Amino acid sequence: MRHTLLGLIWAGSVFASSLVLARAVASPAESTPLAAPAPADDAASDSIHEPAHVQSDTVKAFRKTALSVEFPSNGLTLRGWVYKPKGDGPFSAIVWNHGAEKYPSARPELGLFCTQHSYALFVPVRHGHHPSPGEYFGDTIQDYIGSGEDRVSIQRKVVALAEESNEDVVAALNWLKKQTYINADAIAVGGVAYGGLQSLLAAERGLNLRACIAFSPGAMSWGNREIRQRTIEAVQRSKMPVFLLQAQNDYTLGPSDVLGPMIREKGGANQAKVYAAFGTTHAEGAIGFACWEEGIKIWGSDVLDFLKATGMGGS
């Protein structure tokens, strides 16, 4: 029987948090109109693999305004959610990269925050993560572990999976730029944990992005030397300002200790900041801090200032 993803994280601190996917090459995407607001038929995914937390009634109501969209990547039709401010735009936008979980959340808390400040938020779902089709990378990693290969070989394969996974991010960006309600020259990328790593990989590629907001990038995978080195390289080669954020009680402050000085040394809008502990667990210090209303109230003004400094506009 396959291990659960949490089991993988526990059992393989070495490859562990190297949570990553497998396939995708961005194919040219035709501009696709917004779908009508979809019922929250996949709302159950919002609570799976999340620390216990109760959303406010305002956030629950806002979740129903999420627009279900589709975008092509490597021959697959992937899914995602868009939160759009009122009006026709074009709006500056943020692409939020979910973590390693098989059932990502539509992140209504972040959607509400973004739209209140005149940003659209796009939450693309990479292949293998519900409700997008494809093989879940956690299963692929388990196959690697069961193959009997040495640790370093497996770690390198995990990095290769991360690179392949990033093609879904590229495909999502290509799709978003074609939408008439989006300002294609004012898009930032962000994410938490494995999604933070995916955001740094996108920042390295440039992709005409304005900024990168990385919460706990690679923190759960910091024990994987190959992932750690790849994260360092992505920061060194970043083609845009980066803001790295962590709470004191994250899984590890390795990203801030190692990447933080490199980011700050670049000057300009680049910054890295460690905030006070959030909640009482590592999961709350990572996911909760980045995604919950209570966390957003702590870092929200800093991120807004950062985005304005990179020319992203907003209000």
C-alpha atoms as a PDB file:
ATOM      1  CA  MET A   1       0.000   0.000   0.000  1.00  0.00           C
ATOM      2  CA  ARG A   2       1.263   3.460  -0.861  1.00  0.00           C
ATOM      3  CA  HIS A   3       2.281   5.737   1.957  1.00  0.00           C
ATOM      4  CA  THR A   4       0.308   8.908   2.452  1.00  0.00           C
ATOM      5  CA  LEU A   5       2.108  12.156   1.669  1.00  0.00           C
ATOM      6  CA  LEU A   6       2.353  12.918   5.366  1.00  0.00           C
ATOM      7  CA  GLY A   7       3.955   9.550   5.831  1.00  0.00           C
ATOM      8  CA  LEU A   8       6.478  10.422   3.141  1.00  0.00           C
ATOM      9  CA  ILE A   9       7.329  13.655   4.886  1.00  0.00           C
ATOM     10  CA  TRP A  10       7.880  11.890   8.198  1.00  0.00           C
ATOM     11  CA  ALA A  11       9.693   8.849   6.909  1.00  0.00           C
ATOM     12  CA  GLY A  12      12.028  10.588   4.535  1.00  0.00           C
ATOM     13  CA  SER A  13      13.180  13.803   6.051  1.00  0.00           C
ATOM     14  CA  VAL A  14      15.961  13.526   3.545  1.00  0.00           C
ATOM     15  CA  PHE A  15      13.825  13.412   0.492  1.00  0.00           C
ATOM     16  CA  ALA A  16      10.803  14.174   2.535  1.00  0.00           C
ATOM     17  CA  SER A  17       9.439  17.502   1.979  1.00  0.00           C
ATOM     18  CA  SER A  18      10.705  17.352  -1.552  1.00  0.00           C
ATOM     19  CA  LEU A  19       7.112  17.519  -2.529  1.00  0.00           C
ATOM     20  CA  VAL A  20       6.867  17.784  -6.219  1.00  0.00           C
ATOM     21  CA  LEU A  21       4.983  16.822  -9.353  1.00  0.00           C
ATOM     22  CA  ALA A  22       5.774  15.327 -12.615  1.00  0.00           C
ATOM     23  CA  ARG A  23       4.740  16.467 -16.007  1.00  0.00           C
ATOM     24  CA  ALA A  24       3.790  19.476 -18.072  1.00  0.00           C
ATOM     25  CA  VAL A  25       5.009  21.522 -20.930  1.00  0.00           C
ATOM     26  CA  ALA A  26       3.109  24.698 -21.540  1.00  0.00           C
ATOM     27  CA  SER A  27       1.281  24.559 -24.822  1.00  0.00           C
ATOM     28  CA  PRO A  28       0.024  27.697 -26.558  1.00  0.00           C
ATOM     29  CA  ALA A  29      -3.232  28.614 -24.870  1.00  0.00           C
ATOM     30  CA  GLU A  30      -6.125  30.253 -26.583  1.00  0.00           C
ATOM     31  CA  SER A  31      -7.778  32.999 -24.627  1.00  0.00           C
ATOM     32  CA  THR A  32     -10.573  31.426 -22.634  1.00  0.00           C
ATOM     33  CA  PRO A  33     -13.427  33.506 -21.256  1.00  0.00           C
ATOM     34  CA  LEU A  34     -14.255  33.375 -17.579  1.00  0.00           C
ATOM     35  CA  ALA A  35     -16.588  30.587 -16.678  1.00  0.00           C
ATOM     36  CA  ALA A  36     -19.737  31.383 -14.783  1.00  0.00           C
ATOM     37  CA  PRO A  37     -19.311  31.176 -11.020  1.00  0.00           C
ATOM     38  CA  ALA A  38     -19.220  27.480 -10.219  1.00  0.00           C
ATOM     39  CA  PRO A  39     -20.865  25.884  -7.217  1.00  0.00           C
ATOM     40  CA  ALA A  40     -18.412  24.894  -4.513  1.00  0.00           C
ATOM     41  CA  ASP A  41     -18.581  21.276  -5.622  1.00  0.00           C
ATOM     42  CA  ASP A  42     -14.958  20.746  -4.659  1.00  0.00           C
ATOM     43  CA  ALA A  43     -15.093  22.775  -1.465  1.00  0.00           C
ATOM     44  CA  ALA A  44     -14.159  19.683   0.527  1.00  0.00           C
ATOM     45  CA  SER A  45     -10.647  20.127  -0.804  1.00  0.00           C
ATOM     46  CA  ASP A  46     -10.395  23.342   1.179  1.00  0.00           C
ATOM     47  CA  SER A  47     -10.027  21.480   4.467  1.00  0.00           C
ATOM     48  CA  ILE A  48      -7.943  18.427   3.529  1.00  0.00           C
ATOM     49  CA  HIS A  49      -4.305  18.514   4.708  1.00  0.00           C
ATOM     50  CA  GLU A  50      -4.890  21.822   6.488  1.00  0.00           C
ATOM     51  CA  PRO A  51      -4.328  22.555  10.175  1.00  0.00           C
ATOM     52  CA  ALA A  52      -7.649  22.793  11.998  1.00  0.00           C
ATOM     53  CA  HIS A  53      -9.139  26.197  11.337  1.00  0.00           C
ATOM     54  CA  VAL A  54     -12.578  27.778  11.027  1.00  0.00           C
ATOM     55  CA  GLN A  55     -13.125  30.265   8.218  1.00  0.00           C
ATOM     56  CA  SER A  56     -15.191  33.359   8.894  1.00  0.00           C
ATOM     57  CA  ASP A  57     -18.670  33.635   7.418  1.00  0.00           C
ATOM     58  CA  THR A  58     -17.368  36.403   5.159  1.00  0.00           C
ATOM     59  CA  VAL A  59     -14.702  34.115   3.712  1.00  0.00           C
ATOM     60  CA  LYS A  60     -17.160  31.230   3.313  1.00  0.00           C
ATOM     61  CA  ALA A  61     -19.498  33.488   1.351  1.00  0.00           C
ATOM     62  CA  PHE A  62     -16.652  34.861  -0.752  1.00  0.00           C
ATOM     63  CA  ARG A  63     -15.526  31.334  -1.648  1.00  0.00           C
ATOM     64  CA  LYS A  64     -18.735  30.956  -3.657  1.00  0.00           C
ATOM     65  CA  THR A  65     -17.668  33.782  -5.961  1.00  0.00           C
ATOM     66  CA  ALA A  66     -14.612  31.855  -7.166  1.00  0.00           C
ATOM     67  CA  LEU A  67     -14.689  31.352 -10.916  1.00  0.00           C
ATOM     68  CA  SER A  68     -13.746  27.866 -12.044  1.00  0.00           C
ATOM     69  CA  VAL A  69     -11.469  28.022 -15.097  1.00  0.00           C
ATOM     70  CA  GLU A  70      -9.494  25.606 -17.238  1.00  0.00           C
ATOM     71  CA  PHE A  71      -6.093  25.964 -18.889  1.00  0.00           C
ATOM     72  CA  PRO A  72      -3.973  23.655 -21.081  1.00  0.00           C
ATOM     73  CA  SER A  73      -0.642  22.172 -20.061  1.00  0.00           C
ATOM     74  CA  ASN A  74       1.229  19.332 -21.755  1.00  0.00           C
ATOM     75  CA  GLY A  75      -1.877  17.951 -23.421  1.00  0.00           C
ATOM     76  CA  LEU A  76      -3.918  18.033 -20.222  1.00  0.00           C
ATOM     77  CA  THR A  77      -6.728  20.392 -19.297  1.00  0.00           C
ATOM     78  CA  LEU A  78      -5.946  21.658 -15.810  1.00  0.00           C
ATOM     79  CA  ARG A  79      -8.269  23.440 -13.424  1.00  0.00           C
ATOM     80  CA  GLY A  80      -8.065  26.507 -11.262  1.00  0.00           C
ATOM     81  CA  TRP A  81      -9.952  29.311  -9.573  1.00  0.00           C
ATOM     82  CA  VAL A  82      -9.975  33.035 -10.262  1.00  0.00           C
ATOM     83  CA  TYR A  83     -11.084  35.810  -7.922  1.00  0.00           C
ATOM     84  CA  LYS A  84     -11.679  39.033  -9.829  1.00  0.00           C
ATOM     85  CA  PRO A  85     -12.233  42.533  -8.433  1.00  0.00           C
ATOM     86  CA  LYS A  86     -15.391  44.312  -9.489  1.00  0.00           C
ATOM     87  CA  GLY A  87     -15.210  45.925 -12.881  1.00  0.00           C
ATOM     88  CA  ASP A  88     -13.721  45.047 -16.245  1.00  0.00           C
ATOM     89  CA  GLY A  89     -10.038  45.648 -15.514  1.00  0.00           C
ATOM     90  CA  PRO A  90      -7.429  45.161 -16.721  1.00  0.00           C
ATOM     91  CA  PHE A  91      -6.247  44.221 -13.240  1.00  0.00           C
ATOM     92  CA  SER A  92      -2.831  43.506 -11.829  1.00  0.00           C
ATOM     93  CA  ALA A  93      -2.794  39.870 -10.759  1.00  0.00           C
ATOM     94  CA  ILE A  94      -1.162  37.406  -8.402  1.00  0.00           C
ATOM     95  CA  VAL A  95      -0.757  33.732  -9.267  1.00  0.00           C
ATOM     96  CA  TRP A  96      -0.822  31.639  -6.089  1.00  0.00           C
ATOM     97  CA  ASN A  97       1.017  28.305  -6.185  1.00  0.00           C
ATOM     98  CA  HIS A  98      -0.483  25.721  -3.865  1.00  0.00           C
ATOM     99  CA  GLY A  99       1.693  23.358  -1.859  1.00  0.00           C
ATOM    100  CA  ALA A 100       2.303  19.629  -2.141  1.00  0.00           C
ATOM    101  CA  GLU A 101      -1.132  18.592  -0.917  1.00  0.00           C
ATOM    102  CA  LYS A 102      -3.195  16.409  -3.239  1.00  0.00           C
ATOM    103  CA  TYR A 103      -6.342  18.429  -2.536  1.00  0.00           C
ATOM    104  CA  PRO A 104      -5.408  22.116  -2.712  1.00  0.00           C
ATOM    105  CA  SER A 105      -7.609  24.836  -1.313  1.00  0.00           C
ATOM    106  CA  ALA A 106      -9.137  27.545  -3.472  1.00  0.00           C
ATOM    107  CA  ARG A 107      -7.713  30.012  -0.912  1.00  0.00           C
ATOM    108  CA  PRO A 108     -10.695  32.360  -0.510  1.00  0.00           C
ATOM    109  CA  GLU A 109      -8.928  34.235   2.307  1.00  0.00           C
ATOM    110  CA  LEU A 110      -6.191  35.274  -0.105  1.00  0.00           C
ATOM    111  CA  GLY A 111      -8.731  35.949  -2.840  1.00  0.00           C
ATOM    112  CA  LEU A 112     -10.666  38.290  -0.586  1.00  0.00           C
ATOM    113  CA  PHE A 113      -7.513  40.134   0.462  1.00  0.00           C
ATOM    114  CA  CYS A 114      -6.322  40.538  -3.132  1.00  0.00           C
ATOM    115  CA  THR A 115      -9.607  41.720  -4.595  1.00  0.00           C
ATOM    116  CA  GLN A 116     -10.085  44.211  -1.767  1.00  0.00           C
ATOM    117  CA  HIS A 117      -6.861  45.834  -2.973  1.00  0.00           C
ATOM    118  CA  SER A 118      -7.701  45.688  -6.699  1.00  0.00           C
ATOM    119  CA  TYR A 119      -5.667  42.574  -7.525  1.00  0.00           C
ATOM    120  CA  ALA A 120      -7.038  39.515  -9.250  1.00  0.00           C
ATOM    121  CA  LEU A 121      -5.953  36.180  -7.775  1.00  0.00           C
ATOM    122  CA  PHE A 122      -5.476  33.045  -9.875  1.00  0.00           C
ATOM    123  CA  VAL A 123      -5.033  29.724  -8.057  1.00  0.00           C
ATOM    124  CA  PRO A 124      -4.024  27.182 -10.729  1.00  0.00           C
ATOM    125  CA  VAL A 125      -4.087  23.498  -9.797  1.00  0.00           C
ATOM    126  CA  ARG A 126      -1.094  21.619 -11.141  1.00  0.00           C
ATOM    127  CA  HIS A 127      -1.537  18.190 -12.709  1.00  0.00           C
ATOM    128  CA  GLY A 128      -2.177  15.310 -10.345  1.00  0.00           C
ATOM    129  CA  HIS A 129      -3.719  17.586  -7.703  1.00  0.00           C
ATOM    130  CA  HIS A 130      -7.522  17.505  -7.438  1.00  0.00           C
ATOM    131  CA  PRO A 131      -9.456  18.573  -9.458  1.00  0.00           C
ATOM    132  CA  SER A 132      -6.805  18.565 -12.235  1.00  0.00           C
ATOM    133  CA  PRO A 133      -6.039  15.276 -14.021  1.00  0.00           C
ATOM    134  CA  GLY A 134      -2.700  13.473 -14.093  1.00  0.00           C
ATOM    135  CA  GLU A 135      -0.489  11.414 -11.807  1.00  0.00           C
ATOM    136  CA  TYR A 136       0.052  12.790  -8.333  1.00  0.00           C
ATOM    137  CA  PHE A 137       3.760  13.385  -7.734  1.00  0.00           C
ATOM    138  CA  GLY A 138       3.553  11.919  -4.220  1.00  0.00           C
ATOM    139  CA  ASP A 139       2.830   8.551  -5.827  1.00  0.00           C
ATOM    140  CA  THR A 140       5.752   9.024  -8.214  1.00  0.00           C
ATOM    141  CA  ILE A 141       8.082   9.774  -5.307  1.00  0.00           C
ATOM    142  CA  GLN A 142       6.854   6.669  -3.503  1.00  0.00           C
ATOM    143  CA  ASP A 143       7.732   4.628  -6.580  1.00  0.00           C
ATOM    144  CA  TYR A 144      11.221   6.158  -6.517  1.00  0.00           C
ATOM    145  CA  ILE A 145      11.633   5.219  -2.865  1.00  0.00           C
ATOM    146  CA  GLY A 146      10.455   1.676  -3.554  1.00  0.00           C
ATOM    147  CA  SER A 147      12.900   1.286  -6.425  1.00  0.00           C
ATOM    148  CA  GLY A 148      15.827   0.727  -4.097  1.00  0.00           C
ATOM    149  CA  GLU A 149      17.912   3.518  -5.634  1.00  0.00           C
ATOM    150  CA  ASP A 150      20.351   5.400  -3.448  1.00  0.00           C
ATOM    151  CA  ARG A 151      19.293   8.495  -1.555  1.00  0.00           C
ATOM    152  CA  VAL A 152      21.130  11.037  -3.708  1.00  0.00           C
ATOM    153  CA  SER A 153      19.647   9.607  -6.919  1.00  0.00           C
ATOM    154  CA  ILE A 154      16.162   9.864  -5.463  1.00  0.00           C
ATOM    155  CA  GLN A 155      16.767  13.419  -4.289  1.00  0.00           C
ATOM    156  CA  ARG A 156      17.896  14.394  -7.777  1.00  0.00           C
ATOM    157  CA  LYS A 157      14.805  12.826  -9.286  1.00  0.00           C
ATOM    158  CA  VAL A 158      12.703  14.841  -6.860  1.00  0.00           C
ATOM    159  CA  VAL A 159      14.362  18.024  -8.126  1.00  0.00           C
ATOM    160  CA  ALA A 160      13.633  16.934 -11.694  1.00  0.00           C
ATOM    161  CA  LEU A 161       9.990  16.503 -10.721  1.00  0.00           C
ATOM    162  CA  ALA A 162       9.992  20.051  -9.348  1.00  0.00           C
ATOM    163  CA  GLU A 163      11.316  21.369 -12.648  1.00  0.00           C
ATOM    164  CA  GLU A 164       8.636  19.484 -14.575  1.00  0.00           C
ATOM    165  CA  SER A 165       5.986  20.696 -12.163  1.00  0.00           C
ATOM    166  CA  ASN A 166       6.994  24.259 -12.852  1.00  0.00           C
ATOM    167  CA  GLU A 167       5.864  23.874 -16.445  1.00  0.00           C
ATOM    168  CA  ASP A 168       2.292  23.881 -15.147  1.00  0.00           C
ATOM    169  CA  VAL A 169       3.029  27.227 -13.514  1.00  0.00           C
ATOM    170  CA  VAL A 170       4.317  28.531 -16.852  1.00  0.00           C
ATOM    171  CA  ALA A 171       1.205  27.230 -18.602  1.00  0.00           C
ATOM    172  CA  ALA A 172      -1.004  28.928 -16.016  1.00  0.00           C
ATOM    173  CA  LEU A 173       0.816  32.223 -16.520  1.00  0.00           C
ATOM    174  CA  ASN A 174       0.551  31.950 -20.296  1.00  0.00           C
ATOM    175  CA  TRP A 175      -3.193  31.407 -19.983  1.00  0.00           C
ATOM    176  CA  LEU A 176      -3.660  34.276 -17.534  1.00  0.00           C
ATOM    177  CA  LYS A 177      -1.791  36.767 -19.704  1.00  0.00           C
ATOM    178  CA  LYS A 178      -4.287  36.168 -22.512  1.00  0.00           C
ATOM    179  CA  GLN A 179      -7.295  37.136 -20.425  1.00  0.00           C
ATOM    180  CA  THR A 180      -8.669  40.548 -21.340  1.00  0.00           C
ATOM    181  CA  TYR A 181      -9.368  41.481 -17.703  1.00  0.00           C
ATOM    182  CA  ILE A 182      -5.677  41.021 -16.752  1.00  0.00           C
ATOM    183  CA  ASN A 183      -2.804  43.460 -17.178  1.00  0.00           C
ATOM    184  CA  ALA A 184      -0.215  41.065 -18.623  1.00  0.00           C
ATOM    185  CA  ASP A 185       2.588  43.418 -17.604  1.00  0.00           C
ATOM    186  CA  ALA A 186       1.624  43.469 -13.924  1.00  0.00           C
ATOM    187  CA  ILE A 187       1.630  39.884 -12.659  1.00  0.00           C
ATOM    188  CA  ALA A 188       3.313  38.551  -9.527  1.00  0.00           C
ATOM    189  CA  VAL A 189       3.742  34.971  -8.385  1.00  0.00           C
ATOM    190  CA  GLY A 190       3.469  33.652  -4.837  1.00  0.00           C
ATOM    191  CA  GLY A 191       3.017  30.508  -2.822  1.00  0.00           C
ATOM    192  CA  VAL A 192       3.756  28.681   0.405  1.00  0.00           C
ATOM    193  CA  ALA A 193       6.109  25.772   1.170  1.00  0.00           C
ATOM    194  CA  TYR A 194       6.380  23.706  -2.017  1.00  0.00           C
ATOM    195  CA  GLY A 195       4.376  26.471  -3.700  1.00  0.00           C
ATOM    196  CA  GLY A 196       6.991  28.931  -2.458  1.00  0.00           C
ATOM    197  CA  LEU A 197       9.663  26.843  -4.165  1.00  0.00           C
ATOM    198  CA  GLN A 198       7.599  26.782  -7.358  1.00  0.00           C
ATOM    199  CA  SER A 199       7.345  30.569  -7.167  1.00  0.00           C
ATOM    200  CA  LEU A 200      11.136  30.936  -6.893  1.00  0.00           C
ATOM    201  CA  LEU A 201      11.622  28.655  -9.898  1.00  0.00           C
ATOM    202  CA  ALA A 202       9.243  30.905 -11.844  1.00  0.00           C
ATOM    203  CA  ALA A 203      11.133  33.997 -10.652  1.00  0.00           C
ATOM    204  CA  GLU A 204      14.356  32.487 -11.973  1.00  0.00           C
ATOM    205  CA  ARG A 205      12.763  32.098 -15.407  1.00  0.00           C
ATOM    206  CA  GLY A 206      11.555  35.691 -15.557  1.00  0.00           C
ATOM    207  CA  LEU A 207       8.364  35.108 -17.557  1.00  0.00           C
ATOM    208  CA  ASN A 208       7.677  38.855 -17.624  1.00  0.00           C
ATOM    209  CA  LEU A 209       6.691  38.706 -13.959  1.00  0.00           C
ATOM    210  CA  ARG A 210       6.996  41.740 -11.707  1.00  0.00           C
ATOM    211  CA  ALA A 211       7.541  40.119  -8.314  1.00  0.00           C
ATOM    212  CA  CYS A 212       7.782  36.920  -6.286  1.00  0.00           C
ATOM    213  CA  ILE A 213       6.285  36.399  -2.809  1.00  0.00           C
ATOM    214  CA  ALA A 214       7.687  33.240  -1.247  1.00  0.00           C
ATOM    215  CA  PHE A 215       6.345  31.960   2.067  1.00  0.00           C
ATOM    216  CA  SER A 216       8.473  29.202   3.656  1.00  0.00           C
ATOM    217  CA  PRO A 217      10.021  28.209   0.314  1.00  0.00           C
ATOM    218  CA  GLY A 218      11.288  24.643   0.600  1.00  0.00           C
ATOM    219  CA  ALA A 219      11.100  24.771   4.417  1.00  0.00           C
ATOM    220  CA  MET A 220       9.588  21.306   4.722  1.00  0.00           C
ATOM    221  CA  SER A 221      12.181  19.975   2.254  1.00  0.00           C
ATOM    222  CA  TRP A 222      15.220  21.695   3.732  1.00  0.00           C
ATOM    223  CA  GLY A 223      16.733  18.328   4.687  1.00  0.00           C
ATOM    224  CA  ASN A 224      16.972  17.427   0.995  1.00  0.00           C
ATOM    225  CA  ARG A 225      20.347  18.842  -0.034  1.00  0.00           C
ATOM    226  CA  GLU A 226      19.472  18.771  -3.714  1.00  0.00           C
ATOM    227  CA  ILE A 227      16.256  20.730  -3.197  1.00  0.00           C
ATOM    228  CA  ARG A 228      18.065  23.164  -0.914  1.00  0.00           C
ATOM    229  CA  GLN A 229      20.766  23.802  -3.510  1.00  0.00           C
ATOM    230  CA  ARG A 230      18.183  24.242  -6.260  1.00  0.00           C
ATOM    231  CA  THR A 231      16.352  26.810  -4.130  1.00  0.00           C
ATOM    232  CA  ILE A 232      19.592  28.725  -3.589  1.00  0.00           C
ATOM    233  CA  GLU A 233      20.265  28.757  -7.331  1.00  0.00           C
ATOM    234  CA  ALA A 234      16.759  30.023  -8.057  1.00  0.00           C
ATOM    235  CA  VAL A 235      17.227  32.963  -5.682  1.00  0.00           C
ATOM    236  CA  GLN A 236      20.649  33.780  -7.117  1.00  0.00           C
ATOM    237  CA  ARG A 237      19.253  33.829 -10.648  1.00  0.00           C
ATOM    238  CA  SER A 238      15.937  35.517  -9.885  1.00  0.00           C
ATOM    239  CA  LYS A 239      15.012  38.090 -12.518  1.00  0.00           C
ATOM    240  CA  MET A 240      12.655  40.072 -10.278  1.00  0.00           C
ATOM    241  CA  PRO A 241      12.338  41.334  -6.705  1.00  0.00           C
ATOM    242  CA  VAL A 242      11.671  38.604  -4.133  1.00  0.00           C
ATOM    243  CA  PHE A 243       9.984  38.891  -0.739  1.00  0.00           C
ATOM    244  CA  LEU A 244      10.659  35.874   1.500  1.00  0.00           C
ATOM    245  CA  LEU A 245       8.419  35.531   4.561  1.00  0.00           C
ATOM    246  CA  GLN A 246       8.447  33.067   7.456  1.00  0.00           C
ATOM    247  CA  ALA A 247       6.956  32.866  10.936  1.00  0.00           C
ATOM    248  CA  GLN A 248       9.302  32.017  13.797  1.00  0.00           C
ATOM    249  CA  ASN A 249       7.639  28.623  14.369  1.00  0.00           C
ATOM    250  CA  ASP A 250       7.895  27.401  10.767  1.00  0.00           C
ATOM    251  CA  TYR A 251       9.266  23.874  10.220  1.00  0.00           C
ATOM    252  CA  THR A 252      12.738  25.400   9.943  1.00  0.00           C
ATOM    253  CA  LEU A 253      14.111  28.902   9.455  1.00  0.00           C
ATOM    254  CA  GLY A 254      16.714  27.512   7.075  1.00  0.00           C
ATOM    255  CA  PRO A 255      15.277  29.427   4.092  1.00  0.00           C
ATOM    256  CA  SER A 256      15.490  32.743   5.968  1.00  0.00           C
ATOM    257  CA  ASP A 257      18.945  31.983   7.355  1.00  0.00           C
ATOM    258  CA  VAL A 258      20.393  30.936   3.987  1.00  0.00           C
ATOM    259  CA  LEU A 259      18.305  32.701   1.360  1.00  0.00           C
ATOM    260  CA  GLY A 260      17.460  35.810   3.377  1.00  0.00           C
ATOM    261  CA  PRO A 261      20.923  37.418   3.255  1.00  0.00           C
ATOM    262  CA  MET A 262      21.220  36.647  -0.461  1.00  0.00           C
ATOM    263  CA  ILE A 263      17.885  38.313  -1.161  1.00  0.00           C
ATOM    264  CA  ARG A 264      18.575  41.405   0.930  1.00  0.00           C
ATOM    265  CA  GLU A 265      22.010  41.808  -0.643  1.00  0.00           C
ATOM    266  CA  LYS A 266      20.348  42.366  -4.012  1.00  0.00           C
ATOM    267  CA  GLY A 267      18.903  45.621  -2.703  1.00  0.00           C
ATOM    268  CA  GLY A 268      15.975  47.501  -4.171  1.00  0.00           C
ATOM    269  CA  ALA A 269      12.590  46.027  -3.350  1.00  0.00           C
ATOM    270  CA  ASN A 270      14.106  42.646  -2.396  1.00  0.00           C
ATOM    271  CA  GLN A 271      13.494  41.709   1.211  1.00  0.00           C
ATOM    272  CA  ALA A 272      13.276  38.799   3.646  1.00  0.00           C
ATOM    273  CA  LYS A 273      11.549  38.909   7.000  1.00  0.00           C
ATOM    274  CA  VAL A 274      10.936  36.555   9.919  1.00  0.00           C
ATOM    275  CA  TYR A 275       7.764  37.337  11.854  1.00  0.00           C
ATOM    276  CA  ALA A 276       6.746  36.317  15.362  1.00  0.00           C
ATOM    277  CA  ALA A 277       5.440  32.794  15.880  1.00  0.00           C
ATOM    278  CA  PHE A 278       1.961  32.220  14.494  1.00  0.00           C
ATOM    279  CA  GLY A 279      -0.234  29.627  16.180  1.00  0.00           C
ATOM    280  CA  THR A 280       1.264  26.776  18.167  1.00  0.00           C
ATOM    281  CA  THR A 281       2.399  24.227  15.557  1.00  0.00           C
ATOM    282  CA  HIS A 282       4.805  24.141  12.637  1.00  0.00           C
ATOM    283  CA  ALA A 283       1.885  23.712  10.224  1.00  0.00           C
ATOM    284  CA  GLU A 284       0.183  26.804  11.608  1.00  0.00           C
ATOM    285  CA  GLY A 285       3.476  28.686  11.429  1.00  0.00           C
ATOM    286  CA  ALA A 286       3.750  27.829   7.742  1.00  0.00           C
ATOM    287  CA  ILE A 287       0.336  27.287   6.116  1.00  0.00           C
ATOM    288  CA  GLY A 288      -1.753  29.188   8.633  1.00  0.00           C
ATOM    289  CA  PHE A 289       0.545  32.188   8.650  1.00  0.00           C
ATOM    290  CA  ALA A 290       0.547  32.421   4.860  1.00  0.00           C
ATOM    291  CA  CYS A 291      -3.100  31.659   4.137  1.00  0.00           C
ATOM    292  CA  TRP A 292      -5.434  32.406   7.017  1.00  0.00           C
ATOM    293  CA  GLU A 293      -7.158  35.722   7.652  1.00  0.00           C
ATOM    294  CA  GLU A 294      -5.317  36.069  10.962  1.00  0.00           C
ATOM    295  CA  GLY A 295      -1.971  35.642   9.226  1.00  0.00           C
ATOM    296  CA  ILE A 296      -2.844  37.982   6.377  1.00  0.00           C
ATOM    297  CA  LYS A 297      -3.560  40.737   8.914  1.00  0.00           C
ATOM    298  CA  ILE A 298       0.058  40.418  10.091  1.00  0.00           C
ATOM    299  CA  TRP A 299       1.898  40.495   6.756  1.00  0.00           C
ATOM    300  CA  GLY A 300      -0.705  42.110   4.507  1.00  0.00           C
ATOM    301  CA  SER A 301       0.515  45.701   4.636  1.00  0.00           C
ATOM    302  CA  ASP A 302       4.132  44.617   4.093  1.00  0.00           C
ATOM    303  CA  VAL A 303       3.217  42.649   0.985  1.00  0.00           C
ATOM    304  CA  LEU A 304       1.112  45.502  -0.380  1.00  0.00           C
ATOM    305  CA  ASP A 305       4.042  47.900   0.079  1.00  0.00           C
ATOM    306  CA  PHE A 306       6.333  45.390  -1.637  1.00  0.00           C
ATOM    307  CA  LEU A 307       3.991  45.005  -4.609  1.00  0.00           C
ATOM    308  CA  LYS A 308       3.691  48.764  -5.054  1.00  0.00           C
ATOM    309  CA  ALA A 309       7.484  49.076  -4.932  1.00  0.00           C
ATOM    310  CA  THR A 310       7.713  46.626  -7.846  1.00  0.00           C
ATOM    311  CA  GLY A 311       5.238  48.606  -9.966  1.00  0.00           C
ATOM    312  CA  MET A 312       2.280  46.304  -9.382  1.00  0.00           C
ATOM    313  CA  GLY A 313      -0.149  49.086  -8.507  1.00  0.00           C
ATOM    314  CA  GLY A 314      -3.147  48.003  -6.448  1.00  0.00           C
ATOM    315  CA  SER A 315      -4.892  50.068  -3.805  1.00  0.00           C
END
